[in-house]
mmCIF file of all heavy atoms, coordinates in Angstrom:
data_MODEL
# 
_entry.id   MODEL 
# 
loop_
_atom_site.group_PDB 
_atom_site.id 
_atom_site.type_symbol 
_atom_site.label_atom_id 
_atom_site.label_alt_id 
_atom_site.label_comp_id 
_atom_site.label_asym_id 
_atom_site.label_entity_id 
_atom_site.label_seq_id 
_atom_site.pdbx_PDB_ins_code 
_atom_site.Cartn_x 
_atom_site.Cartn_y 
_atom_site.Cartn_z 
_atom_site.occupancy 
_atom_site.B_iso_or_equiv 
_atom_site.pdbx_formal_charge 
_atom_site.auth_seq_id 
_atom_site.auth_comp_id 
_atom_site.auth_asym_id 
_atom_site.auth_atom_id 
_atom_site.pdbx_PDB_model_num 
ATOM 1   N N   . GLU A 1 1  ? 4.093   -9.673 -6.689  1.00 0.00 ? 1  GLU A N   1 
ATOM 2   C CA  . GLU A 1 1  ? 5.072   -8.609 -6.710  1.00 0.00 ? 1  GLU A CA  1 
ATOM 3   C C   . GLU A 1 1  ? 5.805   -8.596 -5.377  1.00 0.00 ? 1  GLU A C   1 
ATOM 4   O O   . GLU A 1 1  ? 5.196   -8.782 -4.318  1.00 0.00 ? 1  GLU A O   1 
ATOM 5   C CB  . GLU A 1 1  ? 4.386   -7.248 -6.915  1.00 0.00 ? 1  GLU A CB  1 
ATOM 6   C CG  . GLU A 1 1  ? 3.687   -7.114 -8.256  1.00 0.00 ? 1  GLU A CG  1 
ATOM 7   C CD  . GLU A 1 1  ? 4.654   -6.978 -9.402  1.00 0.00 ? 1  GLU A CD  1 
ATOM 8   O OE1 . GLU A 1 1  ? 5.842   -6.687 -9.126  1.00 0.00 ? 1  GLU A OE1 1 
ATOM 9   O OE2 . GLU A 1 1  ? 4.250   -7.183 -10.552 1.00 0.00 ? 1  GLU A OE2 1 
ATOM 10  N N   . PRO A 1 2  ? 7.125   -8.387 -5.385  1.00 0.00 ? 2  PRO A N   1 
ATOM 11  C CA  . PRO A 1 2  ? 7.840   -8.314 -4.114  1.00 0.00 ? 2  PRO A CA  1 
ATOM 12  C C   . PRO A 1 2  ? 7.364   -7.132 -3.291  1.00 0.00 ? 2  PRO A C   1 
ATOM 13  O O   . PRO A 1 2  ? 7.062   -6.067 -3.830  1.00 0.00 ? 2  PRO A O   1 
ATOM 14  C CB  . PRO A 1 2  ? 9.301   -8.130 -4.549  1.00 0.00 ? 2  PRO A CB  1 
ATOM 15  C CG  . PRO A 1 2  ? 9.223   -7.577 -5.934  1.00 0.00 ? 2  PRO A CG  1 
ATOM 16  C CD  . PRO A 1 2  ? 7.984   -8.174 -6.546  1.00 0.00 ? 2  PRO A CD  1 
ATOM 17  N N   . LEU A 1 3  ? 7.287   -7.331 -1.991  1.00 0.00 ? 3  LEU A N   1 
ATOM 18  C CA  . LEU A 1 3  ? 6.814   -6.280 -1.103  1.00 0.00 ? 3  LEU A CA  1 
ATOM 19  C C   . LEU A 1 3  ? 7.947   -5.333 -0.744  1.00 0.00 ? 3  LEU A C   1 
ATOM 20  O O   . LEU A 1 3  ? 9.064   -5.749 -0.454  1.00 0.00 ? 3  LEU A O   1 
ATOM 21  C CB  . LEU A 1 3  ? 6.261   -6.895 0.189   1.00 0.00 ? 3  LEU A CB  1 
ATOM 22  C CG  . LEU A 1 3  ? 5.012   -7.756 0.045   1.00 0.00 ? 3  LEU A CG  1 
ATOM 23  C CD1 . LEU A 1 3  ? 4.602   -8.268 1.418   1.00 0.00 ? 3  LEU A CD1 1 
ATOM 24  C CD2 . LEU A 1 3  ? 3.888   -6.988 -0.585  1.00 0.00 ? 3  LEU A CD2 1 
ATOM 25  N N   . SER A 1 4  ? 7.646   -4.040 -0.742  1.00 0.00 ? 4  SER A N   1 
ATOM 26  C CA  . SER A 1 4  ? 8.588   -3.084 -0.198  1.00 0.00 ? 4  SER A CA  1 
ATOM 27  C C   . SER A 1 4  ? 8.492   -3.111 1.313   1.00 0.00 ? 4  SER A C   1 
ATOM 28  O O   . SER A 1 4  ? 7.504   -3.565 1.887   1.00 0.00 ? 4  SER A O   1 
ATOM 29  C CB  . SER A 1 4  ? 8.258   -1.670 -0.697  1.00 0.00 ? 4  SER A CB  1 
ATOM 30  O OG  . SER A 1 4  ? 8.281   -1.632 -2.113  1.00 0.00 ? 4  SER A OG  1 
ATOM 31  N N   . GLU A 1 5  ? 9.522   -2.627 1.975   1.00 0.00 ? 5  GLU A N   1 
ATOM 32  C CA  . GLU A 1 5  ? 9.490   -2.597 3.432   1.00 0.00 ? 5  GLU A CA  1 
ATOM 33  C C   . GLU A 1 5  ? 8.382   -1.674 3.901   1.00 0.00 ? 5  GLU A C   1 
ATOM 34  O O   . GLU A 1 5  ? 8.242   -0.541 3.440   1.00 0.00 ? 5  GLU A O   1 
ATOM 35  C CB  . GLU A 1 5  ? 10.830  -2.122 3.972   1.00 0.00 ? 5  GLU A CB  1 
ATOM 36  C CG  . GLU A 1 5  ? 10.914  -2.166 5.487   1.00 0.00 ? 5  GLU A CG  1 
ATOM 37  C CD  . GLU A 1 5  ? 12.289  -1.804 5.995   1.00 0.00 ? 5  GLU A CD  1 
ATOM 38  O OE1 . GLU A 1 5  ? 13.208  -1.736 5.175   1.00 0.00 ? 5  GLU A OE1 1 
ATOM 39  O OE2 . GLU A 1 5  ? 12.424  -1.587 7.214   1.00 0.00 ? 5  GLU A OE2 1 
ATOM 40  N N   . ARG A 1 6  ? 7.562   -2.142 4.810   1.00 0.00 ? 6  ARG A N   1 
ATOM 41  C CA  . ARG A 1 6  ? 6.397   -1.396 5.278   1.00 0.00 ? 6  ARG A CA  1 
ATOM 42  C C   . ARG A 1 6  ? 6.821   -0.198 6.105   1.00 0.00 ? 6  ARG A C   1 
ATOM 43  O O   . ARG A 1 6  ? 7.708   -0.282 6.945   1.00 0.00 ? 6  ARG A O   1 
ATOM 44  C CB  . ARG A 1 6  ? 5.513   -2.328 6.114   1.00 0.00 ? 6  ARG A CB  1 
ATOM 45  C CG  . ARG A 1 6  ? 4.256   -1.669 6.629   1.00 0.00 ? 6  ARG A CG  1 
ATOM 46  C CD  . ARG A 1 6  ? 3.354   -2.720 7.232   1.00 0.00 ? 6  ARG A CD  1 
ATOM 47  N NE  . ARG A 1 6  ? 2.219   -2.122 7.911   1.00 0.00 ? 6  ARG A NE  1 
ATOM 48  C CZ  . ARG A 1 6  ? 1.208   -2.835 8.371   1.00 0.00 ? 6  ARG A CZ  1 
ATOM 49  N NH1 . ARG A 1 6  ? 1.182   -4.122 8.223   1.00 0.00 ? 6  ARG A NH1 1 
ATOM 50  N NH2 . ARG A 1 6  ? 0.210   -2.243 8.984   1.00 0.00 ? 6  ARG A NH2 1 
ATOM 51  N N   . GLN A 1 7  ? 6.171   0.905  5.898   1.00 0.00 ? 7  GLN A N   1 
ATOM 52  C CA  . GLN A 1 7  ? 6.434   2.114  6.656   1.00 0.00 ? 7  GLN A CA  1 
ATOM 53  C C   . GLN A 1 7  ? 5.198   2.480  7.450   1.00 0.00 ? 7  GLN A C   1 
ATOM 54  O O   . GLN A 1 7  ? 4.067   2.304  7.004   1.00 0.00 ? 7  GLN A O   1 
ATOM 55  C CB  . GLN A 1 7  ? 6.795   3.272  5.711   1.00 0.00 ? 7  GLN A CB  1 
ATOM 56  C CG  . GLN A 1 7  ? 8.078   3.022  4.933   1.00 0.00 ? 7  GLN A CG  1 
ATOM 57  C CD  . GLN A 1 7  ? 8.404   4.208  4.035   1.00 0.00 ? 7  GLN A CD  1 
ATOM 58  O OE1 . GLN A 1 7  ? 7.648   5.170  3.957   1.00 0.00 ? 7  GLN A OE1 1 
ATOM 59  N NE2 . GLN A 1 7  ? 9.536   4.140  3.379   1.00 0.00 ? 7  GLN A NE2 1 
ATOM 60  N N   . GLU A 1 8  ? 5.429   2.995  8.632   1.00 0.00 ? 8  GLU A N   1 
ATOM 61  C CA  . GLU A 1 8  ? 4.314   3.394  9.487   1.00 0.00 ? 8  GLU A CA  1 
ATOM 62  C C   . GLU A 1 8  ? 3.815   4.768  9.085   1.00 0.00 ? 8  GLU A C   1 
ATOM 63  O O   . GLU A 1 8  ? 4.567   5.703  8.912   1.00 0.00 ? 8  GLU A O   1 
ATOM 64  C CB  . GLU A 1 8  ? 4.762   3.430  10.960  1.00 0.00 ? 8  GLU A CB  1 
ATOM 65  C CG  . GLU A 1 8  ? 5.160   2.059  11.488  1.00 0.00 ? 8  GLU A CG  1 
ATOM 66  C CD  . GLU A 1 8  ? 3.998   1.083  11.471  1.00 0.00 ? 8  GLU A CD  1 
ATOM 67  O OE1 . GLU A 1 8  ? 2.853   1.533  11.648  1.00 0.00 ? 8  GLU A OE1 1 
ATOM 68  O OE2 . GLU A 1 8  ? 4.229   -0.117 11.274  1.00 0.00 ? 8  GLU A OE2 1 
ATOM 69  N N   . ASP A 1 9  ? 2.526   4.915  8.924   1.00 0.00 ? 9  ASP A N   1 
ATOM 70  C CA  . ASP A 1 9  ? 1.919   6.210  8.639   1.00 0.00 ? 9  ASP A CA  1 
ATOM 71  C C   . ASP A 1 9  ? 0.472   6.145  9.080   1.00 0.00 ? 9  ASP A C   1 
ATOM 72  O O   . ASP A 1 9  ? 0.054   5.209  9.716   1.00 0.00 ? 9  ASP A O   1 
ATOM 73  C CB  . ASP A 1 9  ? 2.065   6.586  7.157   1.00 0.00 ? 9  ASP A CB  1 
ATOM 74  C CG  . ASP A 1 9  ? 1.535   5.492  6.230   1.00 0.00 ? 9  ASP A CG  1 
ATOM 75  O OD1 . ASP A 1 9  ? 0.531   4.847  6.605   1.00 0.00 ? 9  ASP A OD1 1 
ATOM 76  O OD2 . ASP A 1 9  ? 2.113   5.284  5.162   1.00 0.00 ? 9  ASP A OD2 1 
ATOM 77  N N   . ASP A 1 10 ? -0.291  7.152  8.712   1.00 0.00 ? 10 ASP A N   1 
ATOM 78  C CA  . ASP A 1 10 ? -1.654  7.263  9.193   1.00 0.00 ? 10 ASP A CA  1 
ATOM 79  C C   . ASP A 1 10 ? -2.692  6.794  8.178   1.00 0.00 ? 10 ASP A C   1 
ATOM 80  O O   . ASP A 1 10 ? -3.881  7.017  8.374   1.00 0.00 ? 10 ASP A O   1 
ATOM 81  C CB  . ASP A 1 10 ? -1.950  8.729  9.578   1.00 0.00 ? 10 ASP A CB  1 
ATOM 82  C CG  . ASP A 1 10 ? -1.093  9.186  10.742  1.00 0.00 ? 10 ASP A CG  1 
ATOM 83  O OD1 . ASP A 1 10 ? -0.759  8.330  11.579  1.00 0.00 ? 10 ASP A OD1 1 
ATOM 84  O OD2 . ASP A 1 10 ? -0.752  10.367 10.790  1.00 0.00 ? 10 ASP A OD2 1 
ATOM 85  N N   . MET A 1 11 ? -2.265  6.171  7.086   1.00 0.00 ? 11 MET A N   1 
ATOM 86  C CA  . MET A 1 11 ? -3.216  5.736  6.082   1.00 0.00 ? 11 MET A CA  1 
ATOM 87  C C   . MET A 1 11 ? -4.087  4.615  6.643   1.00 0.00 ? 11 MET A C   1 
ATOM 88  O O   . MET A 1 11 ? -3.593  3.722  7.330   1.00 0.00 ? 11 MET A O   1 
ATOM 89  C CB  . MET A 1 11 ? -2.474  5.221  4.853   1.00 0.00 ? 11 MET A CB  1 
ATOM 90  C CG  . MET A 1 11 ? -1.625  6.264  4.150   1.00 0.00 ? 11 MET A CG  1 
ATOM 91  S SD  . MET A 1 11 ? -0.775  5.557  2.727   1.00 0.00 ? 11 MET A SD  1 
ATOM 92  C CE  . MET A 1 11 ? 0.279   6.944  2.269   1.00 0.00 ? 11 MET A CE  1 
ATOM 93  N N   . PRO A 1 12 ? -5.393  4.623  6.342   1.00 0.00 ? 12 PRO A N   1 
ATOM 94  C CA  . PRO A 1 12 ? -6.271  3.572  6.855   1.00 0.00 ? 12 PRO A CA  1 
ATOM 95  C C   . PRO A 1 12 ? -5.911  2.201  6.288   1.00 0.00 ? 12 PRO A C   1 
ATOM 96  O O   . PRO A 1 12 ? -5.896  1.214  7.005   1.00 0.00 ? 12 PRO A O   1 
ATOM 97  C CB  . PRO A 1 12 ? -7.660  4.028  6.413   1.00 0.00 ? 12 PRO A CB  1 
ATOM 98  C CG  . PRO A 1 12 ? -7.423  4.964  5.281   1.00 0.00 ? 12 PRO A CG  1 
ATOM 99  C CD  . PRO A 1 12 ? -6.126  5.634  5.572   1.00 0.00 ? 12 PRO A CD  1 
ATOM 100 N N   . HIS A 1 13 ? -5.649  2.157  4.991   1.00 0.00 ? 13 HIS A N   1 
ATOM 101 C CA  . HIS A 1 13 ? -5.197  0.920  4.360   1.00 0.00 ? 13 HIS A CA  1 
ATOM 102 C C   . HIS A 1 13 ? -4.122  1.281  3.348   1.00 0.00 ? 13 HIS A C   1 
ATOM 103 O O   . HIS A 1 13 ? -4.318  2.146  2.509   1.00 0.00 ? 13 HIS A O   1 
ATOM 104 C CB  . HIS A 1 13 ? -6.342  0.197  3.645   1.00 0.00 ? 13 HIS A CB  1 
ATOM 105 C CG  . HIS A 1 13 ? -7.419  -0.273 4.568   1.00 0.00 ? 13 HIS A CG  1 
ATOM 106 N ND1 . HIS A 1 13 ? -7.180  -1.161 5.594   1.00 0.00 ? 13 HIS A ND1 1 
ATOM 107 C CD2 . HIS A 1 13 ? -8.741  0.025  4.625   1.00 0.00 ? 13 HIS A CD2 1 
ATOM 108 C CE1 . HIS A 1 13 ? -8.302  -1.390 6.243   1.00 0.00 ? 13 HIS A CE1 1 
ATOM 109 N NE2 . HIS A 1 13 ? -9.258  -0.682 5.684   1.00 0.00 ? 13 HIS A NE2 1 
ATOM 110 N N   . ARG A 1 14 ? -3.013  0.580  3.418   1.00 0.00 ? 14 ARG A N   1 
ATOM 111 C CA  . ARG A 1 14 ? -1.939  0.830  2.467   1.00 0.00 ? 14 ARG A CA  1 
ATOM 112 C C   . ARG A 1 14 ? -2.061  -0.111 1.277   1.00 0.00 ? 14 ARG A C   1 
ATOM 113 O O   . ARG A 1 14 ? -2.703  -1.158 1.336   1.00 0.00 ? 14 ARG A O   1 
ATOM 114 C CB  . ARG A 1 14 ? -0.578  0.659  3.139   1.00 0.00 ? 14 ARG A CB  1 
ATOM 115 C CG  . ARG A 1 14 ? -0.180  1.845  4.012   1.00 0.00 ? 14 ARG A CG  1 
ATOM 116 C CD  . ARG A 1 14 ? 1.112   1.566  4.744   1.00 0.00 ? 14 ARG A CD  1 
ATOM 117 N NE  . ARG A 1 14 ? 0.888   0.570  5.798   1.00 0.00 ? 14 ARG A NE  1 
ATOM 118 C CZ  . ARG A 1 14 ? 0.476   0.882  7.021   1.00 0.00 ? 14 ARG A CZ  1 
ATOM 119 N NH1 . ARG A 1 14 ? 0.220   2.135  7.328   1.00 0.00 ? 14 ARG A NH1 1 
ATOM 120 N NH2 . ARG A 1 14 ? 0.307   -0.063 7.922   1.00 0.00 ? 14 ARG A NH2 1 
ATOM 121 N N   . CYS A 1 15 ? -1.417  0.268  0.196   1.00 0.00 ? 15 CYS A N   1 
ATOM 122 C CA  . CYS A 1 15 ? -1.353  -0.561 -0.996  1.00 0.00 ? 15 CYS A CA  1 
ATOM 123 C C   . CYS A 1 15 ? -0.748  -1.914 -0.623  1.00 0.00 ? 15 CYS A C   1 
ATOM 124 O O   . CYS A 1 15 ? 0.303   -1.976 0.029   1.00 0.00 ? 15 CYS A O   1 
ATOM 125 C CB  . CYS A 1 15 ? -0.487  0.138  -2.047  1.00 0.00 ? 15 CYS A CB  1 
ATOM 126 S SG  . CYS A 1 15 ? -0.062  -0.904 -3.460  1.00 0.00 ? 15 CYS A SG  1 
ATOM 127 N N   . PRO A 1 16 ? -1.373  -3.032 -1.012  1.00 0.00 ? 16 PRO A N   1 
ATOM 128 C CA  . PRO A 1 16 ? -0.840  -4.341 -0.645  1.00 0.00 ? 16 PRO A CA  1 
ATOM 129 C C   . PRO A 1 16 ? 0.462   -4.703 -1.353  1.00 0.00 ? 16 PRO A C   1 
ATOM 130 O O   . PRO A 1 16 ? 1.117   -5.660 -0.963  1.00 0.00 ? 16 PRO A O   1 
ATOM 131 C CB  . PRO A 1 16 ? -1.968  -5.301 -1.056  1.00 0.00 ? 16 PRO A CB  1 
ATOM 132 C CG  . PRO A 1 16 ? -2.729  -4.580 -2.104  1.00 0.00 ? 16 PRO A CG  1 
ATOM 133 C CD  . PRO A 1 16 ? -2.653  -3.130 -1.734  1.00 0.00 ? 16 PRO A CD  1 
ATOM 134 N N   . THR A 1 17 ? 0.845   -3.943 -2.385  1.00 0.00 ? 17 THR A N   1 
ATOM 135 C CA  . THR A 1 17 ? 2.091   -4.241 -3.099  1.00 0.00 ? 17 THR A CA  1 
ATOM 136 C C   . THR A 1 17 ? 3.272   -3.468 -2.524  1.00 0.00 ? 17 THR A C   1 
ATOM 137 O O   . THR A 1 17 ? 4.253   -4.058 -2.084  1.00 0.00 ? 17 THR A O   1 
ATOM 138 C CB  . THR A 1 17 ? 1.941   -3.929 -4.596  1.00 0.00 ? 17 THR A CB  1 
ATOM 139 O OG1 . THR A 1 17 ? 0.887   -4.733 -5.142  1.00 0.00 ? 17 THR A OG1 1 
ATOM 140 C CG2 . THR A 1 17 ? 3.228   -4.229 -5.346  1.00 0.00 ? 17 THR A CG2 1 
ATOM 141 N N   . CYS A 1 18 ? 3.169   -2.139 -2.511  1.00 0.00 ? 18 CYS A N   1 
ATOM 142 C CA  . CYS A 1 18 ? 4.312   -1.342 -2.034  1.00 0.00 ? 18 CYS A CA  1 
ATOM 143 C C   . CYS A 1 18 ? 4.284   -1.123 -0.528  1.00 0.00 ? 18 CYS A C   1 
ATOM 144 O O   . CYS A 1 18 ? 5.311   -0.804 0.076   1.00 0.00 ? 18 CYS A O   1 
ATOM 145 C CB  . CYS A 1 18 ? 4.373   0.001  -2.751  1.00 0.00 ? 18 CYS A CB  1 
ATOM 146 S SG  . CYS A 1 18 ? 3.018   1.137  -2.344  1.00 0.00 ? 18 CYS A SG  1 
ATOM 147 N N   . GLN A 1 19 ? 3.104   -1.268 0.095   1.00 0.00 ? 19 GLN A N   1 
ATOM 148 C CA  . GLN A 1 19 ? 2.939   -1.076 1.538   1.00 0.00 ? 19 GLN A CA  1 
ATOM 149 C C   . GLN A 1 19 ? 3.315   0.347  1.983   1.00 0.00 ? 19 GLN A C   1 
ATOM 150 O O   . GLN A 1 19 ? 3.606   0.579  3.152   1.00 0.00 ? 19 GLN A O   1 
ATOM 151 C CB  . GLN A 1 19 ? 3.781   -2.087 2.314   1.00 0.00 ? 19 GLN A CB  1 
ATOM 152 C CG  . GLN A 1 19 ? 3.324   -3.529 2.150   1.00 0.00 ? 19 GLN A CG  1 
ATOM 153 C CD  . GLN A 1 19 ? 2.058   -3.818 2.931   1.00 0.00 ? 19 GLN A CD  1 
ATOM 154 O OE1 . GLN A 1 19 ? 1.958   -3.545 4.120   1.00 0.00 ? 19 GLN A OE1 1 
ATOM 155 N NE2 . GLN A 1 19 ? 1.086   -4.383 2.252   1.00 0.00 ? 19 GLN A NE2 1 
ATOM 156 N N   . GLU A 1 20 ? 3.298   1.277  1.066   1.00 0.00 ? 20 GLU A N   1 
ATOM 157 C CA  . GLU A 1 20 ? 3.689   2.648  1.376   1.00 0.00 ? 20 GLU A CA  1 
ATOM 158 C C   . GLU A 1 20 ? 2.583   3.649  1.082   1.00 0.00 ? 20 GLU A C   1 
ATOM 159 O O   . GLU A 1 20 ? 2.194   4.421  1.946   1.00 0.00 ? 20 GLU A O   1 
ATOM 160 C CB  . GLU A 1 20 ? 4.953   3.025  0.590   1.00 0.00 ? 20 GLU A CB  1 
ATOM 161 C CG  . GLU A 1 20 ? 6.177   2.190  0.954   1.00 0.00 ? 20 GLU A CG  1 
ATOM 162 C CD  . GLU A 1 20 ? 7.346   2.467  0.039   1.00 0.00 ? 20 GLU A CD  1 
ATOM 163 O OE1 . GLU A 1 20 ? 7.160   3.216  -0.945  1.00 0.00 ? 20 GLU A OE1 1 
ATOM 164 O OE2 . GLU A 1 20 ? 8.435   1.922  0.305   1.00 0.00 ? 20 GLU A OE2 1 
ATOM 165 N N   . ARG A 1 21 ? 2.092   3.640  -0.152  1.00 0.00 ? 21 ARG A N   1 
ATOM 166 C CA  . ARG A 1 21 ? 1.073   4.606  -0.549  1.00 0.00 ? 21 ARG A CA  1 
ATOM 167 C C   . ARG A 1 21 ? -0.316  4.109  -0.181  1.00 0.00 ? 21 ARG A C   1 
ATOM 168 O O   . ARG A 1 21 ? -0.528  2.923  0.067   1.00 0.00 ? 21 ARG A O   1 
ATOM 169 C CB  . ARG A 1 21 ? 1.163   4.873  -2.060  1.00 0.00 ? 21 ARG A CB  1 
ATOM 170 C CG  . ARG A 1 21 ? 2.436   5.600  -2.471  1.00 0.00 ? 21 ARG A CG  1 
ATOM 171 C CD  . ARG A 1 21 ? 2.508   5.780  -3.979  1.00 0.00 ? 21 ARG A CD  1 
ATOM 172 N NE  . ARG A 1 21 ? 2.765   4.510  -4.646  1.00 0.00 ? 21 ARG A NE  1 
ATOM 173 C CZ  . ARG A 1 21 ? 3.975   4.057  -4.960  1.00 0.00 ? 21 ARG A CZ  1 
ATOM 174 N NH1 . ARG A 1 21 ? 5.051   4.752  -4.643  1.00 0.00 ? 21 ARG A NH1 1 
ATOM 175 N NH2 . ARG A 1 21 ? 4.126   2.894  -5.579  1.00 0.00 ? 21 ARG A NH2 1 
ATOM 176 N N   . GLU A 1 22 ? -1.256  5.039  -0.170  1.00 0.00 ? 22 GLU A N   1 
ATOM 177 C CA  . GLU A 1 22 ? -2.630  4.708  0.193   1.00 0.00 ? 22 GLU A CA  1 
ATOM 178 C C   . GLU A 1 22 ? -3.295  3.855  -0.878  1.00 0.00 ? 22 GLU A C   1 
ATOM 179 O O   . GLU A 1 22 ? -3.096  4.059  -2.077  1.00 0.00 ? 22 GLU A O   1 
ATOM 180 C CB  . GLU A 1 22 ? -3.430  5.998  0.395   1.00 0.00 ? 22 GLU A CB  1 
ATOM 181 C CG  . GLU A 1 22 ? -4.846  5.773  0.898   1.00 0.00 ? 22 GLU A CG  1 
ATOM 182 C CD  . GLU A 1 22 ? -5.553  7.078  1.179   1.00 0.00 ? 22 GLU A CD  1 
ATOM 183 O OE1 . GLU A 1 22 ? -4.947  8.141  0.977   1.00 0.00 ? 22 GLU A OE1 1 
ATOM 184 O OE2 . GLU A 1 22 ? -6.729  7.022  1.594   1.00 0.00 ? 22 GLU A OE2 1 
ATOM 185 N N   . LEU A 1 23 ? -4.078  2.901  -0.450  1.00 0.00 ? 23 LEU A N   1 
ATOM 186 C CA  . LEU A 1 23 ? -4.872  2.077  -1.353  1.00 0.00 ? 23 LEU A CA  1 
ATOM 187 C C   . LEU A 1 23 ? -6.018  2.940  -1.875  1.00 0.00 ? 23 LEU A C   1 
ATOM 188 O O   . LEU A 1 23 ? -6.900  3.325  -1.108  1.00 0.00 ? 23 LEU A O   1 
ATOM 189 C CB  . LEU A 1 23 ? -5.392  0.861  -0.581  1.00 0.00 ? 23 LEU A CB  1 
ATOM 190 C CG  . LEU A 1 23 ? -6.028  -0.300 -1.341  1.00 0.00 ? 23 LEU A CG  1 
ATOM 191 C CD1 . LEU A 1 23 ? -6.088  -1.525 -0.442  1.00 0.00 ? 23 LEU A CD1 1 
ATOM 192 C CD2 . LEU A 1 23 ? -7.409  0.042  -1.833  1.00 0.00 ? 23 LEU A CD2 1 
ATOM 193 N N   . ASP A 1 24 ? -6.015  3.234  -3.181  1.00 0.00 ? 24 ASP A N   1 
ATOM 194 C CA  . ASP A 1 24 ? -7.009  4.193  -3.664  1.00 0.00 ? 24 ASP A CA  1 
ATOM 195 C C   . ASP A 1 24 ? -7.670  3.810  -4.978  1.00 0.00 ? 24 ASP A C   1 
ATOM 196 O O   . ASP A 1 24 ? -8.505  4.560  -5.493  1.00 0.00 ? 24 ASP A O   1 
ATOM 197 C CB  . ASP A 1 24 ? -6.381  5.585  -3.805  1.00 0.00 ? 24 ASP A CB  1 
ATOM 198 C CG  . ASP A 1 24 ? -5.289  5.650  -4.873  1.00 0.00 ? 24 ASP A CG  1 
ATOM 199 O OD1 . ASP A 1 24 ? -4.967  4.597  -5.470  1.00 0.00 ? 24 ASP A OD1 1 
ATOM 200 O OD2 . ASP A 1 24 ? -4.757  6.753  -5.098  1.00 0.00 ? 24 ASP A OD2 1 
ATOM 201 N N   . THR A 1 25 ? -7.349  2.638  -5.555  1.00 0.00 ? 25 THR A N   1 
ATOM 202 C CA  . THR A 1 25 ? -7.978  2.305  -6.825  1.00 0.00 ? 25 THR A CA  1 
ATOM 203 C C   . THR A 1 25 ? -7.971  0.798  -7.043  1.00 0.00 ? 25 THR A C   1 
ATOM 204 O O   . THR A 1 25 ? -7.275  0.052  -6.353  1.00 0.00 ? 25 THR A O   1 
ATOM 205 C CB  . THR A 1 25 ? -7.286  3.013  -8.003  1.00 0.00 ? 25 THR A CB  1 
ATOM 206 O OG1 . THR A 1 25 ? -8.136  2.946  -9.156  1.00 0.00 ? 25 THR A OG1 1 
ATOM 207 C CG2 . THR A 1 25 ? -5.938  2.386  -8.321  1.00 0.00 ? 25 THR A CG2 1 
ATOM 208 N N   . LEU A 1 26 ? -8.744  0.364  -8.009  1.00 0.00 ? 26 LEU A N   1 
ATOM 209 C CA  . LEU A 1 26 ? -8.737  -1.023 -8.447  1.00 0.00 ? 26 LEU A CA  1 
ATOM 210 C C   . LEU A 1 26 ? -9.084  -1.066 -9.919  1.00 0.00 ? 26 LEU A C   1 
ATOM 211 O O   . LEU A 1 26 ? -9.602  -0.108 -10.488 1.00 0.00 ? 26 LEU A O   1 
ATOM 212 C CB  . LEU A 1 26 ? -9.693  -1.888 -7.615  1.00 0.00 ? 26 LEU A CB  1 
ATOM 213 C CG  . LEU A 1 26 ? -11.137 -1.439 -7.398  1.00 0.00 ? 26 LEU A CG  1 
ATOM 214 C CD1 . LEU A 1 26 ? -11.994 -1.613 -8.636  1.00 0.00 ? 26 LEU A CD1 1 
ATOM 215 C CD2 . LEU A 1 26 ? -11.753 -2.227 -6.242  1.00 0.00 ? 26 LEU A CD2 1 
ATOM 216 N N   . ALA A 1 27 ? -8.762  -2.189 -10.543 1.00 0.00 ? 27 ALA A N   1 
ATOM 217 C CA  . ALA A 1 27 ? -9.022  -2.329 -11.977 1.00 0.00 ? 27 ALA A CA  1 
ATOM 218 C C   . ALA A 1 27 ? -9.215  -3.798 -12.305 1.00 0.00 ? 27 ALA A C   1 
ATOM 219 O O   . ALA A 1 27 ? -8.636  -4.675 -11.667 1.00 0.00 ? 27 ALA A O   1 
ATOM 220 C CB  . ALA A 1 27 ? -7.863  -1.760 -12.793 1.00 0.00 ? 27 ALA A CB  1 
ATOM 221 N N   . THR A 1 28 ? -10.044 -4.050 -13.313 1.00 0.00 ? 28 THR A N   1 
ATOM 222 C CA  . THR A 1 28 ? -10.254 -5.386 -13.843 1.00 0.00 ? 28 THR A CA  1 
ATOM 223 C C   . THR A 1 28 ? -9.812  -5.383 -15.293 1.00 0.00 ? 28 THR A C   1 
ATOM 224 O O   . THR A 1 28 ? -10.191 -4.501 -16.063 1.00 0.00 ? 28 THR A O   1 
ATOM 225 C CB  . THR A 1 28 ? -11.729 -5.803 -13.743 1.00 0.00 ? 28 THR A CB  1 
ATOM 226 O OG1 . THR A 1 28 ? -12.134 -5.790 -12.371 1.00 0.00 ? 28 THR A OG1 1 
ATOM 227 C CG2 . THR A 1 28 ? -11.936 -7.196 -14.297 1.00 0.00 ? 28 THR A CG2 1 
# 
């Protein structure tokens, strides 16, 4: 997936796709 422009914030780990929202889930 194309990456969105990364934004600086205080999240410990951001979503590897959008680089904006917090990484909070996974699925198989």
